[in-house]
Protein backbone atom coordinates (compact mmCIF):
# COMPACT_ATOMS: atom_id res chain seq x y z
CA THR A 1 78.59 -9.57 -2.13
CA ASP A 2 76.02 -7.34 -2.49
CA PHE A 3 72.75 -7.70 -0.55
CA VAL A 4 69.48 -5.92 -0.08
CA ILE A 5 67.86 -4.86 3.55
CA ASP A 6 64.16 -5.40 3.15
CA THR A 7 62.05 -4.65 6.34
CA SER A 8 58.88 -3.53 4.74
CA ALA A 9 56.04 -5.20 4.99
CA PRO A 10 53.60 -5.45 1.60
CA THR A 11 50.32 -4.47 1.74
CA LEU A 12 47.07 -5.51 -0.55
CA THR A 13 44.84 -2.91 -2.37
CA PRO A 14 42.33 -3.04 -4.03
CA VAL A 15 40.81 -6.02 -2.42
CA SER A 16 37.38 -7.10 -3.59
CA ILE A 17 34.82 -10.13 -3.55
CA GLU A 18 32.09 -11.48 -5.93
CA THR A 19 30.34 -14.28 -7.41
CA ASP A 20 29.75 -15.72 -10.64
CA ASN A 21 26.05 -15.86 -10.01
CA THR A 22 24.04 -14.82 -13.20
CA GLU A 23 21.27 -13.19 -11.37
CA ASP A 24 23.40 -11.30 -8.57
CA THR A 25 27.26 -11.19 -8.31
CA THR A 26 26.89 -9.88 -4.53
CA GLY A 27 25.07 -13.29 -3.79
CA GLY A 28 25.74 -16.70 -4.28
CA MET A 29 24.19 -20.42 -3.85
CA ASN A 30 25.34 -24.15 -4.06
CA GLY A 31 27.78 -24.43 -7.46
CA ASP A 32 28.54 -20.83 -7.53
CA THR A 33 32.05 -19.53 -7.44
CA ILE A 34 33.31 -16.82 -5.01
CA THR A 35 36.23 -14.84 -6.03
CA LEU A 36 38.38 -12.82 -3.84
CA SER A 37 40.66 -10.34 -6.10
CA PHE A 38 43.57 -8.38 -4.54
CA THR A 39 46.87 -6.61 -5.85
CA ALA A 40 49.95 -6.63 -3.64
CA SER A 41 52.23 -3.46 -3.32
CA GLU A 42 55.33 -5.84 -4.17
CA THR A 43 56.07 -9.27 -5.35
CA ILE A 44 54.71 -12.01 -2.59
CA SER A 45 54.65 -15.64 -2.15
CA THR A 46 51.69 -17.66 -2.82
CA PRO A 47 49.18 -16.38 -0.37
CA THR A 48 46.71 -18.11 1.72
CA CYS A 49 42.98 -17.34 1.57
CA THR A 50 40.47 -18.66 4.05
CA PHE A 51 36.61 -18.15 3.58
CA ALA A 52 33.86 -18.71 6.37
CA ASP A 53 30.35 -18.37 6.26
CA ASP A 54 27.81 -16.75 8.44
CA ASN A 55 28.07 -19.39 11.34
CA GLY A 56 31.84 -19.13 11.12
CA ASP A 57 32.35 -22.03 9.88
CA ALA A 58 35.09 -22.87 7.03
CA LEU A 59 33.27 -23.24 3.64
CA ALA A 60 33.45 -26.81 2.29
CA GLY A 61 34.80 -26.29 -1.27
CA SER A 62 38.85 -26.04 -1.80
CA VAL A 63 40.44 -22.72 -2.22
CA ALA A 64 42.42 -22.18 -5.76
CA VAL A 65 44.89 -19.70 -5.62
CA ILE A 66 45.49 -18.05 -8.69
CA ASP A 67 48.56 -15.65 -9.72
CA GLY A 68 47.36 -13.20 -12.25
CA GLY A 69 50.79 -11.57 -12.95
CA ASN A 70 51.78 -7.95 -12.02
CA ASP A 71 51.13 -8.75 -8.39
CA ALA A 72 47.60 -9.41 -8.82
CA TRP A 73 46.24 -12.61 -7.51
CA THR A 74 42.56 -14.20 -7.09
CA CYS A 75 41.34 -16.88 -4.62
CA ASP A 76 38.33 -18.94 -5.77
CA VAL A 77 36.16 -21.13 -3.61
CA ASP A 78 32.98 -22.86 -4.76
CA ILE A 79 29.59 -22.81 -2.59
CA ALA A 80 28.46 -25.91 -1.06
CA ASP A 81 25.08 -26.87 -0.12
CA ASP A 82 26.19 -27.44 3.28
CA ASP A 83 27.46 -23.90 3.85
CA ALA A 84 25.08 -21.43 5.70
CA ASP A 85 23.03 -18.49 4.59
CA GLY A 86 24.58 -15.10 5.33
CA VAL A 87 27.63 -12.83 4.84
CA VAL A 88 30.90 -14.41 3.60
CA THR A 89 33.98 -13.62 5.77
CA PHE A 90 37.58 -13.95 4.39
CA SER A 91 41.12 -13.63 5.53
CA ILE A 92 44.53 -13.54 3.60
CA ALA A 93 47.93 -14.25 4.82
CA PHE A 94 50.84 -13.13 2.85
CA SER A 95 54.44 -12.65 2.88
CA ASP A 96 56.98 -10.83 0.54
CA GLU A 97 59.84 -12.74 -0.92
CA ALA A 98 62.18 -11.44 1.92
CA GLY A 99 59.73 -13.06 4.43
CA ASN A 100 58.18 -9.68 5.74
CA ALA A 101 54.64 -11.00 6.72
CA GLY A 102 51.89 -8.50 5.69
CA THR A 103 49.09 -7.92 8.08
CA ALA A 104 46.01 -10.41 7.56
CA VAL A 105 43.50 -8.89 5.28
CA THR A 106 40.03 -9.28 6.38
CA ALA A 107 38.13 -6.80 4.63
CA VAL A 108 37.55 -5.40 1.27
CA THR A 109 38.71 -2.00 0.12
CA ASP A 110 35.35 -1.40 -1.94
CA ALA A 111 31.75 -1.74 -1.32
CA THR A 112 31.64 -5.64 -2.18
CA SER A 113 30.10 -8.45 -0.30
CA VAL A 114 29.05 -11.89 -1.04
CA THR A 115 25.85 -13.30 0.66
CA ILE A 116 25.18 -17.03 0.69
CA ASP A 117 21.67 -18.18 -0.12
CA ASN A 118 21.27 -21.97 -0.10
CA THR A 119 17.44 -21.57 0.95
CA HIS A 120 15.27 -23.24 -1.72
CA PRO A 121 11.47 -21.78 -2.14
CA SER A 122 8.62 -24.52 -1.94
CA ILE A 123 5.32 -24.91 -3.60
CA SER A 124 1.95 -25.32 -1.82
CA SER A 125 0.36 -28.41 -2.30
CA GLN A 126 -2.99 -27.09 -2.53
CA ILE A 127 -2.92 -26.33 -6.11
CA SER A 128 -6.25 -25.68 -7.49
CA THR A 129 -7.77 -25.52 -11.08
CA SER A 130 -10.79 -23.61 -12.21
CA TRP A 131 -12.55 -26.93 -13.53
CA GLY A 132 -11.78 -29.24 -10.44
CA THR A 133 -10.49 -32.77 -10.48
CA TYR A 134 -12.57 -33.12 -13.88
CA LEU A 135 -12.52 -31.38 -17.26
CA ASN A 136 -15.74 -31.74 -18.70
CA ALA A 137 -16.76 -31.03 -22.47
CA ALA A 138 -18.14 -27.45 -21.47
CA GLU A 139 -15.34 -26.13 -19.55
CA ASP A 140 -12.72 -27.01 -22.26
CA ASP A 141 -14.62 -24.55 -24.29
CA ALA A 142 -12.82 -21.65 -22.63
CA ASP A 143 -9.41 -20.87 -21.14
CA GLY A 144 -8.79 -22.43 -17.65
CA THR A 145 -6.80 -21.41 -14.69
CA VAL A 146 -4.44 -23.35 -12.32
CA THR A 147 -3.64 -21.21 -9.11
CA VAL A 148 -0.50 -21.94 -7.63
CA SER A 149 0.77 -20.85 -3.82
CA THR A 150 4.63 -20.74 -2.85
CA SER A 151 6.67 -19.85 0.16
CA GLY A 152 10.21 -18.10 0.10
CA ALA A 153 9.83 -16.95 -3.77
CA GLU A 154 10.22 -13.28 -4.41
CA ASP A 155 7.38 -11.13 -6.24
CA GLY A 156 8.29 -11.19 -9.79
CA GLN A 157 9.55 -14.88 -10.15
CA THR A 158 8.04 -16.90 -12.78
CA VAL A 159 6.17 -19.99 -12.00
CA THR A 160 5.82 -22.66 -14.73
CA THR A 161 3.08 -25.52 -14.97
CA THR A 162 3.29 -28.31 -17.28
CA ILE A 163 0.19 -30.30 -18.64
CA ASN A 164 0.58 -32.81 -21.30
CA GLY A 165 3.84 -31.18 -22.41
CA VAL A 166 2.42 -27.63 -22.71
CA GLN A 167 4.12 -25.09 -20.43
CA ASP A 168 2.30 -21.80 -19.30
CA THR A 169 3.46 -19.19 -16.54
CA CYS A 170 2.38 -16.68 -14.60
CA THR A 171 4.13 -13.87 -12.40
CA LEU A 172 4.15 -14.24 -8.55
CA ASN A 173 2.72 -11.50 -6.26
CA ALA A 174 2.78 -12.12 -2.57
CA ASN A 175 3.84 -15.78 -2.99
CA THR A 176 0.57 -16.45 -5.36
CA CYS A 177 -0.52 -16.45 -9.19
CA ALA A 178 -2.66 -18.04 -11.62
CA VAL A 179 -1.48 -19.59 -14.71
CA THR A 180 -4.02 -19.26 -17.70
CA VAL A 181 -4.29 -22.21 -19.77
CA ALA A 182 -5.49 -21.89 -23.36
CA ALA A 183 -9.13 -23.48 -24.21
CA ALA A 184 -7.20 -25.10 -27.20
CA ASP A 185 -4.52 -26.64 -24.96
CA LEU A 186 -7.51 -28.08 -23.01
CA ALA A 187 -9.26 -29.38 -26.02
CA ALA A 188 -6.32 -31.09 -27.45
CA LEU A 189 -6.17 -33.69 -24.44
CA THR A 190 -7.21 -37.09 -24.78
CA ASP A 191 -10.64 -38.07 -23.60
CA GLY A 192 -10.89 -40.62 -20.43
CA THR A 193 -7.10 -39.72 -19.49
CA SER A 194 -5.91 -38.49 -16.33
CA TYR A 195 -3.38 -35.54 -16.45
CA THR A 196 -0.71 -34.67 -13.52
CA ILE A 197 -0.01 -30.80 -13.15
CA SER A 198 3.83 -30.32 -12.77
CA VAL A 199 4.64 -26.86 -11.12
CA ASP A 200 8.07 -25.50 -10.88
CA VAL A 201 9.40 -21.96 -9.50
CA SER A 202 12.68 -20.64 -8.35
CA ASP A 203 13.77 -17.93 -6.33
CA ALA A 204 15.38 -14.92 -7.36
CA ILE A 205 19.18 -16.10 -7.17
CA GLY A 206 18.08 -19.25 -9.00
CA ASN A 207 17.51 -21.81 -6.01
CA ALA A 208 14.77 -24.32 -7.34
CA ALA A 209 11.99 -25.47 -5.41
CA ASP A 210 11.08 -29.25 -5.56
CA GLN A 211 8.92 -30.03 -8.57
CA ASP A 212 5.29 -30.29 -7.40
CA THR A 213 3.12 -33.09 -9.11
CA SER A 214 0.68 -33.29 -6.34
CA ALA A 215 -2.34 -31.92 -8.58
CA SER A 216 -4.36 -34.05 -11.36
CA PHE A 217 -7.53 -34.18 -12.90
CA GLU A 218 -9.34 -36.23 -15.57
CA TYR A 219 -10.30 -35.31 -18.85
CA ASP A 220 -13.86 -36.53 -19.76
CA VAL A 221 -15.99 -34.99 -22.72
CA SER A 222 -17.89 -38.36 -23.28
CA VAL A 223 -21.82 -37.99 -22.80
CA SER A 224 -22.99 -40.87 -20.82
CA ALA A 225 -25.37 -43.62 -22.61
CA ALA A 226 -28.72 -43.94 -21.10
CA THR A 227 -29.47 -47.59 -20.75
CA GLU A 228 -32.83 -48.60 -22.38
CA THR A 229 -35.77 -49.24 -20.00
CA THR A 230 -38.89 -51.26 -20.75
């Protein structure tokens, strides 16, 4: 009977990690998938991949191990909202078909990395309008502005305001910007009606702030009638 002596342990190379985040494959937030890719030097049994957040806690999601053929493998895990912000670490345990265990791999062979960002920006409740709490017949003849302050959103991010179903935007600089509301949109409001200003923003990786609806105003363009005096 013939047999093969195999005392050589397998190795993994290349090893790379990334996310499917559409804004930044080196970063991820709740719902994004982390993919760890590697190729074995020979045929191996199904490897075991573990992932940890910056606190050293195992990521909450289940790990899916996928055999890509030709000794290529991937391990996928979804980021959960409870996973801590910071750099993701990993470990790959593996053995060849003869049972020789490879040295656990805990580092990539390229410069890739994944950083979790589950921190959402916020919108200040001190949203101000150029017309105050009432919009009158003179003020709706010109464009108005809505000034918004945020926290935790990067420069260049877009703030969106919605008034009466009409959306307008501005670009953040130092966590503030002013949205221009067209005079035609102001004049299209209904006299005697109160309107809420909805404000939305997300950070660069896609974490959305809770929508702010704290600001409101009344559209009043009617001239008060004088009571006859005798």
